[in-house]
C-alpha atoms as a PDB file:
ATOM      1  CA  MET A   1      26.375   6.675   4.720  1.00  0.00           C
ATOM      2  CA  LYS A   2      24.341   7.443   7.782  1.00  0.00           C
ATOM      3  CA  SER A   3      25.214   9.126  11.005  1.00  0.00           C
ATOM      4  CA  LEU A   4      23.638  10.411  14.190  1.00  0.00           C
ATOM      5  CA  ILE A   5      24.792  13.234  16.360  1.00  0.00           C
ATOM      6  CA  ARG A   6      24.335  14.708  19.795  1.00  0.00           C
ATOM      7  CA  PRO A   7      25.717  18.259  19.645  1.00  0.00           C
ATOM      8  CA  ARG A   8      26.758  18.591  23.291  1.00  0.00           C
ATOM      9  CA  VAL A   9      28.592  15.305  23.094  1.00  0.00           C
ATOM     10  CA  LEU A  10      30.694  16.586  20.238  1.00  0.00           C
ATOM     11  CA  VAL A  11      31.632  19.771  22.054  1.00  0.00           C
ATOM     12  CA  ALA A  12      32.888  17.654  24.931  1.00  0.00           C
ATOM     13  CA  ALA A  13      34.599  15.295  22.516  1.00  0.00           C
ATOM     14  CA  GLY A  14      37.017  17.894  21.248  1.00  0.00           C
ATOM     15  CA  LEU A  15      37.468  19.855  24.435  1.00  0.00           C
ATOM     16  CA  ALA A  16      37.976  16.825  26.692  1.00  0.00           C
ATOM     17  CA  LEU A  17      41.245  16.078  24.931  1.00  0.00           C
ATOM     18  CA  VAL A  18      42.309  19.680  25.451  1.00  0.00           C
ATOM     19  CA  ALA A  19      41.589  19.447  29.164  1.00  0.00           C
ATOM     20  CA  LEU A  20      43.768  16.384  29.439  1.00  0.00           C
ATOM     21  CA  ILE A  21      46.815  17.939  27.815  1.00  0.00           C
ATOM     22  CA  ALA A  22      46.579  21.637  28.596  1.00  0.00           C
ATOM     23  CA  ALA A  23      48.307  21.489  31.961  1.00  0.00           C
ATOM     24  CA  SER A  24      51.247  19.338  30.893  1.00  0.00           C
ATOM     25  CA  GLN A  25      54.463  20.018  29.054  1.00  0.00           C
ATOM     26  CA  LEU A  26      56.069  16.640  29.765  1.00  0.00           C
ATOM     27  CA  ARG A  27      58.352  15.155  27.187  1.00  0.00           C
ATOM     28  CA  GLY A  28      57.348  11.620  26.150  1.00  0.00           C
ATOM     29  CA  THR A  29      59.666   8.930  24.859  1.00  0.00           C
ATOM     30  CA  SER A  30      59.331   7.119  21.574  1.00  0.00           C
ATOM     31  CA  ALA A  31      61.460   4.787  19.515  1.00  0.00           C
ATOM     32  CA  ARG A  32      60.410   6.855  16.517  1.00  0.00           C
ATOM     33  CA  ALA A  33      61.221  10.276  17.933  1.00  0.00           C
ATOM     34  CA  GLY A  34      64.469  10.721  15.993  1.00  0.00           C
ATOM     35  CA  GLU A  35      63.146   9.574  12.632  1.00  0.00           C
ATOM     36  CA  GLN A  36      62.085  12.020   9.919  1.00  0.00           C
ATOM     37  CA  ARG A  37      58.861  11.149   8.132  1.00  0.00           C
ATOM     38  CA  GLN A  38      56.681  13.257   5.912  1.00  0.00           C
ATOM     39  CA  LEU A  39      53.123  12.597   4.854  1.00  0.00           C
ATOM     40  CA  THR A  40      52.653  13.767   1.264  1.00  0.00           C
ATOM     41  CA  LEU A  41      49.749  16.210   1.191  1.00  0.00           C
ATOM     42  CA  GLY A  42      47.839  17.045  -1.964  1.00  0.00           C
ATOM     43  CA  THR A  43      49.223  15.413  -5.092  1.00  0.00           C
ATOM     44  CA  GLN A  44      52.564  13.735  -5.587  1.00  0.00           C
ATOM     45  CA  GLY A  45      55.167  16.326  -6.562  1.00  0.00           C
ATOM     46  CA  SER A  46      53.237  19.288  -5.167  1.00  0.00           C
ATOM     47  CA  ALA A  47      54.902  21.742  -2.776  1.00  0.00           C
ATOM     48  CA  GLN A  48      54.858  20.390   0.763  1.00  0.00           C
ATOM     49  CA  PRO A  49      54.424  22.308   4.042  1.00  0.00           C
ATOM     50  CA  GLN A  50      57.572  23.607   5.669  1.00  0.00           C
ATOM     51  CA  ASN A  51      56.257  24.443   9.140  1.00  0.00           C
ATOM     52  CA  MET A  52      53.428  23.467  11.473  1.00  0.00           C
ATOM     53  CA  ASP A  53      51.139  26.285  10.375  1.00  0.00           C
ATOM     54  CA  GLN A  54      51.421  25.142   6.766  1.00  0.00           C
ATOM     55  CA  PHE A  55      51.086  21.484   7.744  1.00  0.00           C
ATOM     56  CA  LEU A  56      47.869  22.007   9.708  1.00  0.00           C
ATOM     57  CA  THR A  57      46.369  24.032   6.868  1.00  0.00           C
ATOM     58  CA  ALA A  58      47.404  21.456   4.285  1.00  0.00           C
ATOM     59  CA  VAL A  59      46.187  18.404   6.209  1.00  0.00           C
ATOM     60  CA  THR A  60      42.842  20.052   6.955  1.00  0.00           C
ATOM     61  CA  LYS A  61      42.392  20.828   3.261  1.00  0.00           C
ATOM     62  CA  ASP A  62      43.452  17.292   2.391  1.00  0.00           C
ATOM     63  CA  VAL A  63      40.848  15.756   4.705  1.00  0.00           C
ATOM     64  CA  ASP A  64      38.260  18.213   3.398  1.00  0.00           C
ATOM     65  CA  ALA A  65      39.026  17.207  -0.203  1.00  0.00           C
ATOM     66  CA  TYR A  66      38.564  13.538   0.720  1.00  0.00           C
ATOM     67  CA  TRP A  67      35.153  14.128   2.288  1.00  0.00           C
ATOM     68  CA  THR A  68      34.075  16.331  -0.597  1.00  0.00           C
ATOM     69  CA  LYS A  69      34.690  13.380  -2.923  1.00  0.00           C
ATOM     70  CA  VAL A  70      32.884  10.968  -0.587  1.00  0.00           C
ATOM     71  CA  PHE A  71      29.864  13.237  -0.376  1.00  0.00           C
ATOM     72  CA  ALA A  72      29.778  13.740  -4.139  1.00  0.00           C
ATOM     73  CA  SER A  73      29.899   9.990  -4.747  1.00  0.00           C
ATOM     74  CA  ASN A  74      26.874   9.612  -2.473  1.00  0.00           C
ATOM     75  CA  GLY A  75      24.921  12.393  -4.151  1.00  0.00           C
ATOM     76  CA  LEU A  76      25.358  14.767  -1.208  1.00  0.00           C
ATOM     77  CA  PRO A  77      26.303  18.447  -1.319  1.00  0.00           C
ATOM     78  CA  GLU A  78      29.845  19.480  -0.492  1.00  0.00           C
ATOM     79  CA  PRO A  79      30.505  19.566   3.274  1.00  0.00           C
ATOM     80  CA  ARG A  80      30.902  23.054   4.678  1.00  0.00           C
ATOM     81  CA  VAL A  81      33.106  23.788   7.670  1.00  0.00           C
ATOM     82  CA  SER A  82      35.277  26.624   8.913  1.00  0.00           C
ATOM     83  CA  TYR A  83      38.638  26.100  10.511  1.00  0.00           C
ATOM     84  CA  ARG A  84      41.081  28.274  12.364  1.00  0.00           C
ATOM     85  CA  LEU A  85      44.614  27.870  13.638  1.00  0.00           C
ATOM     86  CA  LEU A  86      45.688  29.430  16.921  1.00  0.00           C
ATOM     87  CA  LYS A  87      49.214  30.762  17.296  1.00  0.00           C
ATOM     88  CA  PRO A  88      51.043  30.319  20.626  1.00  0.00           C
ATOM     89  CA  GLY A  89      49.444  32.584  23.197  1.00  0.00           C
ATOM     90  CA  GLU A  90      46.317  33.229  21.129  1.00  0.00           C
ATOM     91  CA  THR A  91      42.761  32.698  22.291  1.00  0.00           C
ATOM     92  CA  ALA A  92      39.502  32.704  20.370  1.00  0.00           C
ATOM     93  CA  ASP A  93      35.862  33.017  21.288  1.00  0.00           C
ATOM     94  CA  SER A  94      33.543  30.308  20.011  1.00  0.00           C
ATOM     95  CA  ALA A  95      30.016  29.035  20.512  1.00  0.00           C
ATOM     96  CA  CYS A  96      31.587  26.425  22.792  1.00  0.00           C
ATOM     97  CA  GLY A  97      33.381  28.977  24.960  1.00  0.00           C
ATOM     98  CA  GLN A  98      36.829  30.521  24.855  1.00  0.00           C
ATOM     99  CA  LEU A  99      39.516  28.400  23.212  1.00  0.00           C
ATOM    100  CA  ASP A 100      43.207  28.729  23.952  1.00  0.00           C
ATOM    101  CA  ASP A 101      46.482  27.574  22.438  1.00  0.00           C
ATOM    102  CA  SER A 102      46.093  24.027  23.787  1.00  0.00           C
ATOM    103  CA  THR A 103      42.962  23.427  21.703  1.00  0.00           C
ATOM    104  CA  ALA A 104      42.077  20.676  19.273  1.00  0.00           C
ATOM    105  CA  ALA A 105      38.310  20.726  18.894  1.00  0.00           C
ATOM    106  CA  TYR A 106      35.311  20.813  16.615  1.00  0.00           C
ATOM    107  CA  CYS A 107      32.540  23.124  17.825  1.00  0.00           C
ATOM    108  CA  PRO A 108      29.145  22.329  16.277  1.00  0.00           C
ATOM    109  CA  GLY A 109      27.688  25.606  17.516  1.00  0.00           C
ATOM    110  CA  ASP A 110      29.699  27.587  14.963  1.00  0.00           C
ATOM    111  CA  ASP A 111      30.726  24.651  12.736  1.00  0.00           C
ATOM    112  CA  THR A 112      34.423  25.340  13.212  1.00  0.00           C
ATOM    113  CA  ILE A 113      37.463  23.141  13.691  1.00  0.00           C
ATOM    114  CA  THR A 114      40.112  24.829  15.825  1.00  0.00           C
ATOM    115  CA  ILE A 115      43.637  23.495  16.122  1.00  0.00           C
ATOM    116  CA  ALA A 116      46.377  25.246  18.088  1.00  0.00           C
ATOM    117  CA  GLU A 117      49.920  25.187  16.766  1.00  0.00           C
ATOM    118  CA  ARG A 118      51.339  24.686  20.275  1.00  0.00           C
ATOM    119  CA  PHE A 119      49.130  21.645  20.750  1.00  0.00           C
ATOM    120  CA  ALA A 120      50.148  20.215  17.384  1.00  0.00           C
ATOM    121  CA  GLU A 121      53.849  20.839  18.054  1.00  0.00           C
ATOM    122  CA  GLY A 122      53.496  19.025  21.376  1.00  0.00           C
ATOM    123  CA  ILE A 123      51.918  16.026  19.659  1.00  0.00           C
ATOM    124  CA  ASP A 124      54.528  15.994  16.887  1.00  0.00           C
ATOM    125  CA  SER A 125      57.479  16.186  19.284  1.00  0.00           C
ATOM    126  CA  GLY A 126      56.036  13.901  21.955  1.00  0.00           C
ATOM    127  CA  ALA A 127      56.122  16.685  24.555  1.00  0.00           C
ATOM    128  CA  LEU A 128      52.480  16.081  25.508  1.00  0.00           C
ATOM    129  CA  ASP A 129      52.607  12.324  25.322  1.00  0.00           C
ATOM    130  CA  ARG A 130      52.472  11.485  29.029  1.00  0.00           C
ATOM    131  CA  ALA A 131      49.561  13.848  29.667  1.00  0.00           C
ATOM    132  CA  LEU A 132      47.193  11.568  27.774  1.00  0.00           C
ATOM    133  CA  PRO A 133      45.357   8.780  29.611  1.00  0.00           C
ATOM    134  CA  GLY A 134      46.385   5.892  27.395  1.00  0.00           C
ATOM    135  CA  SER A 135      50.042   6.737  26.897  1.00  0.00           C
ATOM    136  CA  ALA A 136      50.366   7.634  30.591  1.00  0.00           C
ATOM    137  CA  GLU A 137      49.560   3.969  31.279  1.00  0.00           C
ATOM    138  CA  GLY A 138      51.898   2.634  28.600  1.00  0.00           C
ATOM    139  CA  PHE A 139      49.457   2.428  25.688  1.00  0.00           C
ATOM    140  CA  GLY A 140      50.780   3.891  22.446  1.00  0.00           C
ATOM    141  CA  GLY A 141      52.176   7.394  22.193  1.00  0.00           C
ATOM    142  CA  THR A 142      51.809  10.601  20.242  1.00  0.00           C
ATOM    143  CA  THR A 143      54.848  11.450  18.153  1.00  0.00           C
ATOM    144  CA  GLY A 144      55.170  12.412  14.511  1.00  0.00           C
ATOM    145  CA  ASP A 145      53.358  14.234  11.748  1.00  0.00           C
ATOM    146  CA  PHE A 146      50.807  11.501  11.191  1.00  0.00           C
ATOM    147  CA  ALA A 147      49.819  11.565  14.855  1.00  0.00           C
ATOM    148  CA  VAL A 148      48.942  15.231  14.274  1.00  0.00           C
ATOM    149  CA  ALA A 149      47.082  14.289  11.092  1.00  0.00           C
ATOM    150  CA  TYR A 150      45.117  11.683  13.048  1.00  0.00           C
ATOM    151  CA  VAL A 151      43.888  14.362  15.469  1.00  0.00           C
ATOM    152  CA  VAL A 152      42.867  16.696  12.627  1.00  0.00           C
ATOM    153  CA  ALA A 153      41.059  13.903  10.757  1.00  0.00           C
ATOM    154  CA  HIS A 154      39.300  12.825  13.966  1.00  0.00           C
ATOM    155  CA  GLU A 155      37.991  16.345  14.606  1.00  0.00           C
ATOM    156  CA  TYR A 156      36.856  16.581  10.987  1.00  0.00           C
ATOM    157  CA  GLY A 157      35.034  13.304  11.579  1.00  0.00           C
ATOM    158  CA  HIS A 158      32.910  15.082  14.179  1.00  0.00           C
ATOM    159  CA  GLN A 159      32.039  17.697  11.579  1.00  0.00           C
ATOM    160  CA  ILE A 160      30.912  14.913   9.253  1.00  0.00           C
ATOM    161  CA  GLN A 161      28.665  13.611  12.021  1.00  0.00           C
ATOM    162  CA  ASP A 162      27.243  17.113  12.321  1.00  0.00           C
ATOM    163  CA  GLU A 163      26.827  17.391   8.548  1.00  0.00           C
ATOM    164  CA  LEU A 164      24.866  14.138   8.389  1.00  0.00           C
ATOM    165  CA  GLY A 165      23.168  14.373  11.796  1.00  0.00           C
ATOM    166  CA  LEU A 166      19.499  14.023  12.608  1.00  0.00           C
ATOM    167  CA  PHE A 167      19.247  16.112  15.793  1.00  0.00           C
ATOM    168  CA  ASP A 168      15.516  16.033  16.468  1.00  0.00           C
ATOM    169  CA  ARG A 169      15.038  12.394  15.608  1.00  0.00           C
ATOM    170  CA  TYR A 170      17.798  10.914  17.762  1.00  0.00           C
ATOM    171  CA  GLY A 171      18.448  13.581  20.387  1.00  0.00           C
ATOM    172  CA  SER A 172      20.668  12.434  23.224  1.00  0.00           C
ATOM    173  CA  ALA A 173      20.118   8.696  22.846  1.00  0.00           C
ATOM    174  CA  LEU A 174      23.739   7.758  22.230  1.00  0.00           C
ATOM    175  CA  PRO A 175      26.777   7.953  24.543  1.00  0.00           C
ATOM    176  CA  THR A 176      29.891   9.996  23.886  1.00  0.00           C
ATOM    177  CA  MET A 177      31.925   6.896  23.128  1.00  0.00           C
ATOM    178  CA  ALA A 178      29.834   5.975  20.087  1.00  0.00           C
ATOM    179  CA  PHE A 179      30.640   9.285  18.405  1.00  0.00           C
ATOM    180  CA  GLU A 180      34.305   9.193  19.403  1.00  0.00           C
ATOM    181  CA  LEU A 181      34.835   5.731  17.963  1.00  0.00           C
ATOM    182  CA  GLN A 182      33.004   6.639  14.768  1.00  0.00           C
ATOM    183  CA  ALA A 183      35.185   9.751  14.382  1.00  0.00           C
ATOM    184  CA  ASP A 184      38.265   7.545  14.807  1.00  0.00           C
ATOM    185  CA  CYS A 185      36.875   5.205  12.170  1.00  0.00           C
ATOM    186  CA  TYR A 186      36.256   8.117   9.811  1.00  0.00           C
ATOM    187  CA  ALA A 187      39.857   9.244  10.358  1.00  0.00           C
ATOM    188  CA  GLY A 188      40.962   5.767   9.322  1.00  0.00           C
ATOM    189  CA  THR A 189      39.042   5.946   6.045  1.00  0.00           C
ATOM    190  CA  TRP A 190      40.784   9.202   5.142  1.00  0.00           C
ATOM    191  CA  ALA A 191      44.165   7.623   5.935  1.00  0.00           C
ATOM    192  CA  LYS A 192      43.296   4.696   3.659  1.00  0.00           C
ATOM    193  CA  SER A 193      42.578   7.070   0.798  1.00  0.00           C
ATOM    194  CA  ALA A 194      46.031   8.625   1.236  1.00  0.00           C
ATOM    195  CA  ASP A 195      47.577   5.158   1.393  1.00  0.00           C
ATOM    196  CA  ARG A 196      45.864   4.117  -1.842  1.00  0.00           C
ATOM    197  CA  GLU A 197      47.407   7.156  -3.490  1.00  0.00           C
ATOM    198  CA  ASN A 198      50.869   6.141  -2.193  1.00  0.00           C
ATOM    199  CA  ARG A 199      51.130   9.276  -0.060  1.00  0.00           C
ATOM    200  CA  LEU A 200      52.054   7.634   3.255  1.00  0.00           C
ATOM    201  CA  GLU A 201      55.585   7.096   4.465  1.00  0.00           C
ATOM    202  CA  ASP A 202      56.793   4.001   6.311  1.00  0.00           C
ATOM    203  CA  GLY A 203      55.686   4.320   9.921  1.00  0.00           C
ATOM    204  CA  ASP A 204      52.736   6.653   9.338  1.00  0.00           C
ATOM    205  CA  ILE A 205      50.155   3.950  10.020  1.00  0.00           C
ATOM    206  CA  GLN A 206      51.887   3.011  13.260  1.00  0.00           C
ATOM    207  CA  GLU A 207      51.938   6.662  14.320  1.00  0.00           C
ATOM    208  CA  ALA A 208      48.155   6.817  13.920  1.00  0.00           C
ATOM    209  CA  LEU A 209      47.615   3.551  15.784  1.00  0.00           C
ATOM    210  CA  ASP A 210      49.854   4.709  18.621  1.00  0.00           C
ATOM    211  CA  ALA A 211      48.013   8.037  18.812  1.00  0.00           C
ATOM    212  CA  ALA A 212      44.648   6.281  18.965  1.00  0.00           C
ATOM    213  CA  LEU A 213      45.914   4.128  21.826  1.00  0.00           C
ATOM    214  CA  ALA A 214      47.345   7.164  23.599  1.00  0.00           C
ATOM    215  CA  VAL A 215      44.058   9.102  23.708  1.00  0.00           C
ATOM    216  CA  GLY A 216      41.981   6.175  24.954  1.00  0.00           C
ATOM    217  CA  ASP A 217      40.775   6.377  28.534  1.00  0.00           C
ATOM    218  CA  PHE A 218      39.712   3.909  31.203  1.00  0.00           C
ATOM    219  CA  ASP A 219      36.877   5.600  33.099  1.00  0.00           C
ATOM    220  CA  THR A 220      34.033   3.541  31.689  1.00  0.00           C
ATOM    221  CA  ALA A 221      31.631   4.845  34.352  1.00  0.00           C
ATOM    222  CA  ASP A 222      32.079   8.424  33.134  1.00  0.00           C
ATOM    223  CA  PRO A 223      29.361   9.540  30.659  1.00  0.00           C
ATOM    224  CA  GLY A 224      32.148  11.340  28.799  1.00  0.00           C
ATOM    225  CA  HIS A 225      34.182   8.145  28.358  1.00  0.00           C
ATOM    226  CA  HIS A 226      35.749   8.215  24.885  1.00  0.00           C
ATOM    227  CA  GLY A 227      36.656   4.533  24.574  1.00  0.00           C
ATOM    228  CA  THR A 228      39.537   2.434  25.862  1.00  0.00           C
ATOM    229  CA  PRO A 229      42.894   2.510  24.077  1.00  0.00           C
ATOM    230  CA  GLU A 230      42.102  -0.818  22.414  1.00  0.00           C
ATOM    231  CA  GLN A 231      38.657   0.357  21.285  1.00  0.00           C
ATOM    232  CA  ARG A 232      40.037   3.526  19.761  1.00  0.00           C
ATOM    233  CA  GLU A 233      42.839   1.702  17.984  1.00  0.00           C
ATOM    234  CA  GLN A 234      40.355  -0.840  16.641  1.00  0.00           C
ATOM    235  CA  ALA A 235      37.975   1.881  15.434  1.00  0.00           C
ATOM    236  CA  TRP A 236      40.733   3.573  13.421  1.00  0.00           C
ATOM    237  CA  THR A 237      41.810   0.190  12.059  1.00  0.00           C
ATOM    238  CA  THR A 238      38.227  -0.616  11.056  1.00  0.00           C
ATOM    239  CA  GLY A 239      38.063   2.537   8.961  1.00  0.00           C
ATOM    240  CA  PHE A 240      41.506   2.024   7.476  1.00  0.00           C
ATOM    241  CA  ASP A 241      40.939  -1.614   6.550  1.00  0.00           C
ATOM    242  CA  ALA A 242      37.542  -0.905   4.993  1.00  0.00           C
ATOM    243  CA  GLY A 243      38.416   2.371   3.316  1.00  0.00           C
ATOM    244  CA  ASP A 244      34.685   3.031   3.243  1.00  0.00           C
ATOM    245  CA  PRO A 245      32.866   5.363   5.667  1.00  0.00           C
ATOM    246  CA  SER A 246      29.814   3.100   5.680  1.00  0.00           C
ATOM    247  CA  ALA A 247      31.900   0.625   7.704  1.00  0.00           C
ATOM    248  CA  CYS A 248      31.819   3.195  10.512  1.00  0.00           C
ATOM    249  CA  ASP A 249      28.025   3.000  10.870  1.00  0.00           C
ATOM    250  CA  ARG A 250      28.497   0.091  13.275  1.00  0.00           C
ATOM    251  CA  TYR A 251      29.630   2.390  16.061  1.00  0.00           C
ATOM    252  CA  LEU A 252      26.193   3.958  16.169  1.00  0.00           C
ATOM    253  CA  ASP A 253      24.147   0.905  15.243  1.00  0.00           C
ATOM    254  CA  ALA A 254      25.670  -1.255  17.950  1.00  0.00           C
ATOM    255  CA  THR A 255      24.882   1.181  20.741  1.00  0.00           C
END
């Protein structure tokens, strides 16, 4: 695998999503909203999370275990990252500034993934759906446990970029979108590993695709542009279809 990173881009990558959703508590609509699905975390038959706090902890550990195996198979040391969960009403200081309970972000300054329970609940229920640029325009939607898992795996993808990054050599040569699409692709490779282990439920893949569409944006003139809905969906699909993180190199090579 290879990867490049621009630290300030990655700070914006996580926090831009927060800025989009923080002010909204709108309830989205989804044909899947009434269905009950559960991603199996860990091994088949193991105890499964019973609430959002447990789910976020379990999915983060699951993604971490996947990347630990990937790194080991490539002769690399185990990835190291901290993570914290914010309860409703909580705030936390970070190297990227103060984070609140609408946060989903990776901060390279302190190598920490922060996910707020309120944010995750809003994604799971669809309450934040219409606050996102893609879903606000009719592209996809964020509802369900695997939509939450997609966000966690995407943020962990930024940590992988940090882990493998060559700061001095590449500096600020690449746009935000390149890193966002690669993180989506990385999230897809994790999902494929869970699928190979028969740990996905019917509809989980569609939840991830819909979430990727929902967070896409259209302001291509903005340096912070993350990718259109179609580009983000395709990036996740690229990772899922390949099941190999090296397939995600293209998002940096092509820039």
